[in-house]
C-alpha atoms as a PDB file:
ATOM      1  CA  PHE A   1     -41.403  75.963 -33.707  1.00  0.00           C
ATOM      2  CA  TRP A   2     -38.157  77.216 -34.660  1.00  0.00           C
ATOM      3  CA  TYR A   3     -35.061  74.999 -34.682  1.00  0.00           C
ATOM      4  CA  LYS A   4     -31.305  75.617 -34.984  1.00  0.00           C
ATOM      5  CA  ILE A   5     -28.899  72.910 -36.230  1.00  0.00           C
ATOM      6  CA  THR A   6     -26.275  72.212 -33.510  1.00  0.00           C
ATOM      7  CA  GLY A   7     -24.582  69.145 -34.732  1.00  0.00           C
ATOM      8  CA  ALA A   8     -24.661  66.634 -37.553  1.00  0.00           C
ATOM      9  CA  ASP A   9     -27.819  65.012 -36.396  1.00  0.00           C
ATOM     10  CA  THR A  10     -28.932  67.285 -33.493  1.00  0.00           C
ATOM     11  CA  VAL A  11     -31.070  70.529 -33.263  1.00  0.00           C
ATOM     12  CA  GLN A  12     -32.075  73.176 -30.562  1.00  0.00           C
ATOM     13  CA  LEU A  13     -35.541  74.408 -30.094  1.00  0.00           C
ATOM     14  CA  ILE A  14     -35.203  78.251 -30.117  1.00  0.00           C
ATOM     15  CA  THR A  15     -37.119  81.275 -29.340  1.00  0.00           C
ATOM     16  CA  ASN A  16     -39.374  82.468 -32.104  1.00  0.00           C
ATOM     17  CA  PRO A  17     -37.575  85.168 -34.020  1.00  0.00           C
ATOM     18  CA  ASN A  18     -40.727  86.724 -35.050  1.00  0.00           C
ATOM     19  CA  ALA A  19     -41.936  87.605 -31.522  1.00  0.00           C
ATOM     20  CA  ALA A  20     -43.002  91.087 -31.242  1.00  0.00           C
ATOM     21  CA  ASN A  21     -40.657  92.035 -28.431  1.00  0.00           C
ATOM     22  CA  SER A  22     -38.919  90.455 -25.427  1.00  0.00           C
ATOM     23  CA  TYR A  23     -42.050  91.089 -23.191  1.00  0.00           C
ATOM     24  CA  SER A  24     -44.523  89.040 -25.305  1.00  0.00           C
ATOM     25  CA  ALA A  25     -45.168  85.353 -25.398  1.00  0.00           C
ATOM     26  CA  VAL A  26     -42.657  84.013 -28.135  1.00  0.00           C
ATOM     27  CA  TYR A  27     -45.064  81.171 -29.061  1.00  0.00           C
ATOM     28  CA  PRO A  28     -48.556  82.528 -28.405  1.00  0.00           C
ATOM     29  CA  ASP A  29     -50.256  79.803 -30.141  1.00  0.00           C
ATOM     30  CA  ALA A  30     -48.419  76.958 -28.357  1.00  0.00           C
ATOM     31  CA  PRO A  31     -50.949  74.456 -26.832  1.00  0.00           C
ATOM     32  CA  ALA A  32     -51.591  74.334 -23.132  1.00  0.00           C
ATOM     33  CA  GLU A  33     -50.162  70.945 -22.858  1.00  0.00           C
ATOM     34  CA  LEU A  34     -46.922  71.129 -24.834  1.00  0.00           C
ATOM     35  CA  VAL A  35     -45.252  67.958 -26.229  1.00  0.00           C
ATOM     36  CA  ILE A  36     -41.656  68.360 -27.530  1.00  0.00           C
ATOM     37  CA  PRO A  37     -40.847  65.922 -30.144  1.00  0.00           C
ATOM     38  CA  ALA A  38     -37.802  63.670 -29.887  1.00  0.00           C
ATOM     39  CA  THR A  39     -37.068  64.327 -33.502  1.00  0.00           C
ATOM     40  CA  VAL A  40     -37.932  66.869 -36.307  1.00  0.00           C
ATOM     41  CA  THR A  41     -37.642  66.454 -40.128  1.00  0.00           C
ATOM     42  CA  ASN A  42     -36.500  69.172 -42.327  1.00  0.00           C
ATOM     43  CA  SER A  43     -39.298  69.475 -44.993  1.00  0.00           C
ATOM     44  CA  GLY A  44     -36.752  70.624 -47.618  1.00  0.00           C
ATOM     45  CA  THR A  45     -34.215  67.779 -47.448  1.00  0.00           C
ATOM     46  CA  GLY A  46     -36.215  65.141 -45.472  1.00  0.00           C
ATOM     47  CA  LYS A  47     -33.293  64.847 -43.037  1.00  0.00           C
ATOM     48  CA  THR A  48     -34.382  63.949 -39.487  1.00  0.00           C
ATOM     49  CA  TYR A  49     -32.772  65.657 -36.435  1.00  0.00           C
ATOM     50  CA  THR A  50     -32.745  64.603 -32.769  1.00  0.00           C
ATOM     51  CA  VAL A  51     -34.008  67.497 -30.642  1.00  0.00           C
ATOM     52  CA  THR A  52     -31.402  67.689 -27.643  1.00  0.00           C
ATOM     53  CA  THR A  53     -31.757  71.345 -26.333  1.00  0.00           C
ATOM     54  CA  ILE A  54     -34.369  73.707 -25.336  1.00  0.00           C
ATOM     55  CA  GLY A  55     -32.621  77.130 -26.088  1.00  0.00           C
ATOM     56  CA  TYR A  56     -32.485  80.407 -24.385  1.00  0.00           C
ATOM     57  CA  LYS A  57     -35.970  81.894 -23.598  1.00  0.00           C
ATOM     58  CA  ALA A  58     -37.525  79.462 -26.081  1.00  0.00           C
ATOM     59  CA  PHE A  59     -40.888  79.551 -24.267  1.00  0.00           C
ATOM     60  CA  PHE A  60     -40.340  82.532 -22.155  1.00  0.00           C
ATOM     61  CA  LEU A  61     -43.580  84.165 -20.989  1.00  0.00           C
ATOM     62  CA  CYS A  62     -45.879  81.620 -22.670  1.00  0.00           C
ATOM     63  CA  SER A  63     -48.219  81.667 -19.720  1.00  0.00           C
ATOM     64  CA  GLN A  64     -50.885  79.653 -21.606  1.00  0.00           C
ATOM     65  CA  ILE A  65     -48.646  76.536 -21.324  1.00  0.00           C
ATOM     66  CA  THR A  66     -49.780  74.422 -18.248  1.00  0.00           C
ATOM     67  CA  SER A  67     -47.581  71.337 -18.835  1.00  0.00           C
ATOM     68  CA  VAL A  68     -44.665  70.239 -20.862  1.00  0.00           C
ATOM     69  CA  THR A  69     -43.560  66.782 -21.816  1.00  0.00           C
ATOM     70  CA  LEU A  70     -40.006  66.473 -22.803  1.00  0.00           C
ATOM     71  CA  PRO A  71     -38.500  63.384 -24.619  1.00  0.00           C
ATOM     72  CA  ASP A  72     -35.504  61.497 -23.276  1.00  0.00           C
ATOM     73  CA  THR A  73     -33.250  63.116 -25.959  1.00  0.00           C
ATOM     74  CA  ILE A  74     -33.287  66.451 -24.161  1.00  0.00           C
ATOM     75  CA  ARG A  75     -29.783  67.045 -22.627  1.00  0.00           C
ATOM     76  CA  VAL A  76     -29.953  70.885 -21.846  1.00  0.00           C
ATOM     77  CA  ILE A  77     -32.524  73.324 -20.849  1.00  0.00           C
ATOM     78  CA  GLY A  78     -31.365  76.823 -21.458  1.00  0.00           C
ATOM     79  CA  ASP A  79     -31.520  79.999 -19.481  1.00  0.00           C
ATOM     80  CA  TYR A  80     -35.111  81.253 -18.954  1.00  0.00           C
ATOM     81  CA  ALA A  81     -36.569  78.583 -21.057  1.00  0.00           C
ATOM     82  CA  PHE A  82     -39.881  77.910 -19.427  1.00  0.00           C
ATOM     83  CA  GLN A  83     -42.604  79.216 -17.060  1.00  0.00           C
ATOM     84  CA  THR A  84     -44.354  75.934 -16.813  1.00  0.00           C
ATOM     85  CA  ASP A  85     -44.756  72.768 -14.702  1.00  0.00           C
ATOM     86  CA  PHE A  86     -43.360  69.548 -15.795  1.00  0.00           C
ATOM     87  CA  LYS A  87     -41.181  66.515 -14.742  1.00  0.00           C
ATOM     88  CA  LEU A  88     -37.435  66.733 -15.462  1.00  0.00           C
ATOM     89  CA  PRO A  89     -36.259  63.994 -17.704  1.00  0.00           C
ATOM     90  CA  SER A  90     -33.723  61.593 -16.037  1.00  0.00           C
ATOM     91  CA  THR A  91     -31.420  62.210 -18.978  1.00  0.00           C
ATOM     92  CA  LEU A  92     -31.125  66.037 -18.456  1.00  0.00           C
ATOM     93  CA  LYS A  93     -27.446  67.123 -17.986  1.00  0.00           C
ATOM     94  CA  ARG A  94     -27.828  71.004 -17.564  1.00  0.00           C
ATOM     95  CA  ILE A  95     -30.319  73.585 -16.457  1.00  0.00           C
ATOM     96  CA  GLY A  96     -29.789  77.245 -17.153  1.00  0.00           C
ATOM     97  CA  ASN A  97     -29.768  80.353 -15.131  1.00  0.00           C
ATOM     98  CA  SER A  98     -33.327  81.028 -13.990  1.00  0.00           C
ATOM     99  CA  ALA A  99     -34.762  78.306 -16.481  1.00  0.00           C
ATOM    100  CA  PHE A 100     -37.903  77.769 -14.231  1.00  0.00           C
ATOM    101  CA  ALA A 101     -38.172  81.231 -12.708  1.00  0.00           C
ATOM    102  CA  GLN A 102     -41.850  81.863 -11.739  1.00  0.00           C
ATOM    103  CA  SER A 103     -42.919  78.644 -13.202  1.00  0.00           C
ATOM    104  CA  GLY A 104     -45.718  76.389 -11.805  1.00  0.00           C
ATOM    105  CA  ILE A 105     -43.303  73.541 -11.113  1.00  0.00           C
ATOM    106  CA  THR A 106     -44.359  71.731  -7.890  1.00  0.00           C
ATOM    107  CA  GLU A 107     -41.369  69.384  -7.326  1.00  0.00           C
ATOM    108  CA  VAL A 108     -37.812  69.182  -8.229  1.00  0.00           C
ATOM    109  CA  HIS A 109     -35.881  65.956  -8.334  1.00  0.00           C
ATOM    110  CA  PHE A 110     -32.579  65.677 -10.245  1.00  0.00           C
ATOM    111  CA  GLY A 111     -31.718  62.832 -12.226  1.00  0.00           C
ATOM    112  CA  ASP A 112     -28.435  60.853 -12.195  1.00  0.00           C
ATOM    113  CA  ALA A 113     -27.303  62.505 -15.395  1.00  0.00           C
ATOM    114  CA  ILE A 114     -27.322  66.096 -14.226  1.00  0.00           C
ATOM    115  CA  GLU A 115     -23.986  67.892 -14.276  1.00  0.00           C
ATOM    116  CA  ALA A 116     -24.746  71.362 -13.917  1.00  0.00           C
ATOM    117  CA  VAL A 117     -27.478  73.751 -12.650  1.00  0.00           C
ATOM    118  CA  ASP A 118     -26.896  77.576 -12.986  1.00  0.00           C
ATOM    119  CA  ASP A 119     -27.933  80.096 -10.407  1.00  0.00           C
ATOM    120  CA  ARG A 120     -31.396  80.788  -9.350  1.00  0.00           C
ATOM    121  CA  ALA A 121     -32.671  77.937 -11.721  1.00  0.00           C
ATOM    122  CA  PHE A 122     -35.856  77.650  -9.646  1.00  0.00           C
ATOM    123  CA  ASN A 123     -36.336  81.142  -8.103  1.00  0.00           C
ATOM    124  CA  PHE A 124     -39.795  82.601  -7.401  1.00  0.00           C
ATOM    125  CA  CYS A 125     -41.512  79.201  -8.101  1.00  0.00           C
ATOM    126  CA  LYS A 126     -44.641  79.807  -5.944  1.00  0.00           C
ATOM    127  CA  LYS A 127     -46.083  76.343  -6.325  1.00  0.00           C
ATOM    128  CA  LEU A 128     -42.822  74.588  -5.584  1.00  0.00           C
ATOM    129  CA  VAL A 129     -43.453  72.363  -2.406  1.00  0.00           C
ATOM    130  CA  LYS A 130     -40.775  69.575  -2.652  1.00  0.00           C
ATOM    131  CA  ALA A 131     -37.143  69.830  -3.681  1.00  0.00           C
ATOM    132  CA  GLU A 132     -33.680  68.524  -3.347  1.00  0.00           C
ATOM    133  CA  LEU A 133     -30.055  69.843  -3.069  1.00  0.00           C
ATOM    134  CA  THR A 134     -27.372  67.479  -4.466  1.00  0.00           C
ATOM    135  CA  LYS A 135     -23.643  67.529  -4.925  1.00  0.00           C
ATOM    136  CA  GLU A 136     -24.116  68.859  -8.439  1.00  0.00           C
ATOM    137  CA  THR A 137     -26.304  71.683  -7.393  1.00  0.00           C
ATOM    138  CA  GLN A 138     -24.592  72.851  -4.103  1.00  0.00           C
ATOM    139  CA  ASN A 139     -22.804  75.709  -5.723  1.00  0.00           C
ATOM    140  CA  CYS A 140     -25.935  77.424  -7.349  1.00  0.00           C
ATOM    141  CA  GLU A 141     -26.605  80.640  -5.536  1.00  0.00           C
ATOM    142  CA  GLY A 142     -30.255  81.417  -4.999  1.00  0.00           C
ATOM    143  CA  LEU A 143     -31.338  77.950  -6.262  1.00  0.00           C
ATOM    144  CA  TYR A 144     -34.791  78.094  -4.573  1.00  0.00           C
ATOM    145  CA  LEU A 145     -34.962  81.825  -3.757  1.00  0.00           C
ATOM    146  CA  TYR A 146     -38.434  83.110  -2.952  1.00  0.00           C
ATOM    147  CA  CYS A 147     -40.142  79.763  -3.192  1.00  0.00           C
ATOM    148  CA  ASP A 148     -42.672  80.555  -0.601  1.00  0.00           C
ATOM    149  CA  ASN A 149     -44.355  77.126  -0.244  1.00  0.00           C
ATOM    150  CA  LEU A 150     -41.253  75.000  -0.461  1.00  0.00           C
ATOM    151  CA  ALA A 151     -41.883  72.914   2.735  1.00  0.00           C
ATOM    152  CA  GLU A 152     -39.826  69.792   2.137  1.00  0.00           C
ATOM    153  CA  VAL A 153     -36.262  69.680   1.218  1.00  0.00           C
ATOM    154  CA  THR A 154     -33.962  66.711   0.750  1.00  0.00           C
ATOM    155  CA  ILE A 155     -30.142  67.498   1.221  1.00  0.00           C
ATOM    156  CA  GLU A 156     -28.184  64.554  -0.404  1.00  0.00           C
ATOM    157  CA  ASP A 157     -25.414  62.871   1.576  1.00  0.00           C
ATOM    158  CA  GLY A 158     -22.076  64.239   0.332  1.00  0.00           C
ATOM    159  CA  VAL A 159     -23.362  67.835  -0.028  1.00  0.00           C
ATOM    160  CA  THR A 160     -20.606  69.895   1.774  1.00  0.00           C
ATOM    161  CA  TYR A 161     -21.901  73.530   1.006  1.00  0.00           C
ATOM    162  CA  ILE A 162     -25.352  75.044   1.241  1.00  0.00           C
ATOM    163  CA  PRO A 163     -25.209  77.864  -1.256  1.00  0.00           C
ATOM    164  CA  GLU A 164     -25.819  81.598  -0.661  1.00  0.00           C
ATOM    165  CA  ASN A 165     -29.536  82.455  -0.711  1.00  0.00           C
ATOM    166  CA  CYS A 166     -30.527  78.769  -1.450  1.00  0.00           C
ATOM    167  CA  PHE A 167     -33.647  78.949   0.542  1.00  0.00           C
ATOM    168  CA  PHE A 168     -33.945  82.767   1.008  1.00  0.00           C
ATOM    169  CA  ASP A 169     -37.590  83.566   1.930  1.00  0.00           C
ATOM    170  CA  CYS A 170     -38.882  80.026   1.763  1.00  0.00           C
ATOM    171  CA  PHE A 171     -41.430  80.702   4.375  1.00  0.00           C
ATOM    172  CA  ALA A 172     -43.020  77.299   4.565  1.00  0.00           C
ATOM    173  CA  LEU A 173     -39.624  75.643   5.307  1.00  0.00           C
ATOM    174  CA  THR A 174     -39.619  74.875   8.938  1.00  0.00           C
ATOM    175  CA  SER A 175     -37.029  72.053   9.304  1.00  0.00           C
ATOM    176  CA  VAL A 176     -34.130  70.597   7.222  1.00  0.00           C
ATOM    177  CA  VAL A 177     -31.938  67.622   8.105  1.00  0.00           C
ATOM    178  CA  LEU A 178     -28.377  68.401   7.365  1.00  0.00           C
ATOM    179  CA  PRO A 179     -26.184  65.377   6.576  1.00  0.00           C
ATOM    180  CA  ASP A 180     -22.691  65.186   8.387  1.00  0.00           C
ATOM    181  CA  SER A 181     -20.945  66.097   5.117  1.00  0.00           C
ATOM    182  CA  VAL A 182     -22.045  69.710   5.247  1.00  0.00           C
ATOM    183  CA  THR A 183     -19.193  71.790   6.423  1.00  0.00           C
ATOM    184  CA  GLU A 184     -20.365  75.284   5.404  1.00  0.00           C
ATOM    185  CA  ILE A 185     -23.548  77.253   4.880  1.00  0.00           C
ATOM    186  CA  GLY A 186     -23.513  80.304   2.629  1.00  0.00           C
ATOM    187  CA  LYS A 187     -24.642  83.904   3.420  1.00  0.00           C
ATOM    188  CA  SER A 188     -28.543  84.103   3.864  1.00  0.00           C
ATOM    189  CA  ALA A 189     -28.952  80.549   2.878  1.00  0.00           C
ATOM    190  CA  PHE A 190     -32.034  80.046   5.261  1.00  0.00           C
ATOM    191  CA  TYR A 191     -32.947  83.783   5.661  1.00  0.00           C
ATOM    192  CA  GLY A 192     -36.703  84.266   6.091  1.00  0.00           C
ATOM    193  CA  CYS A 193     -37.269  80.340   6.696  1.00  0.00           C
END
């Protein structure tokens, strides 16, 4: 894999610069069960770096990947990073725009460290059945857009806004309990449910 130094002792896992084009798997030889290391060592200098970020489109269109194990050192998952199924680490702070679009992820649970989730982070996740909306994710437009099998949603107490298109066309979603803290529901938030 390719790495970019982002700090004195940290690196970001990045997309393969030798990929043929933007519509091919960037790491076609990646294993089905991908394990991201907590550290990497520069073979030239012998210096060890902590892996903290999965960069923009790092594993975009790598459909051979069926599961990913992330170390607790990961703090950021970039835009369009994966199309896979795995457990979010409890130390994760940020998830980029459409990071899990069309992935095989089945459940979404945000850890206490999450600070930001960008729009449409989980759109078109056809296998997603269980998810949550938190105070930190309540402003993410289209967060679970077109998640056909999403049937169970937990909305955290303290959420005041259900974002626009949040559960748009989530056909399997037949009921949701809204906490008393909710004061506004965005346009088309539950359209097609």
